[in-house]
């Protein structure tokens, strides 16, 4: 699956995605974590930040439900994104949490959102603290059954805050240092 991702060529996933900035977390049937970051008019400095910049992860949690909104910041401040993920949408996976434990590698892709061309890519190990938070949340969500509407209502309720405020309200989880040349 991963050999389809070639810099300078069309990104093979989300071809019908609306052309706007944002990040999308996907977990393949094989258990690989994929995080395409879509940016319109991607600048060379943004490509460099995705390829080599430090990465910080934070989470906003609902302790009652276990719902989680992950926030990622690449570089100093410029690239900050929300990562929404609902494991109950994958009907073919039979609510099996073990799929999400098969890998701790996150494939990050910088994609030009205007033409869906892959600009850069990076592999990182998911920090254990982050993966533990994801797995705990997703396990709770899977045990709830079809909670998509409830989860999305919770996510939409957070949109009353701008991204800077959400970042400040969220809890630090982990940091990936800047990658040397």
Foldseek 3Di string as FASTA:
>chain_A
DVVVADAQAADPPPPVPPLDFAWEWDADQQQAIEIETEDAPDDPVNQLQQAFFKKWKWWDADVVQLFIWIWMDTHDHDDIHIYHDAPLVCVVVLLDLVSNVNAQKYKYWYAHSVRRGTHHIYIDGHPPQVSVSVSVSNNSNSVVHPCVVVSVVVVVVVVVDDRVVVVVPTGTGDMGHGHDD
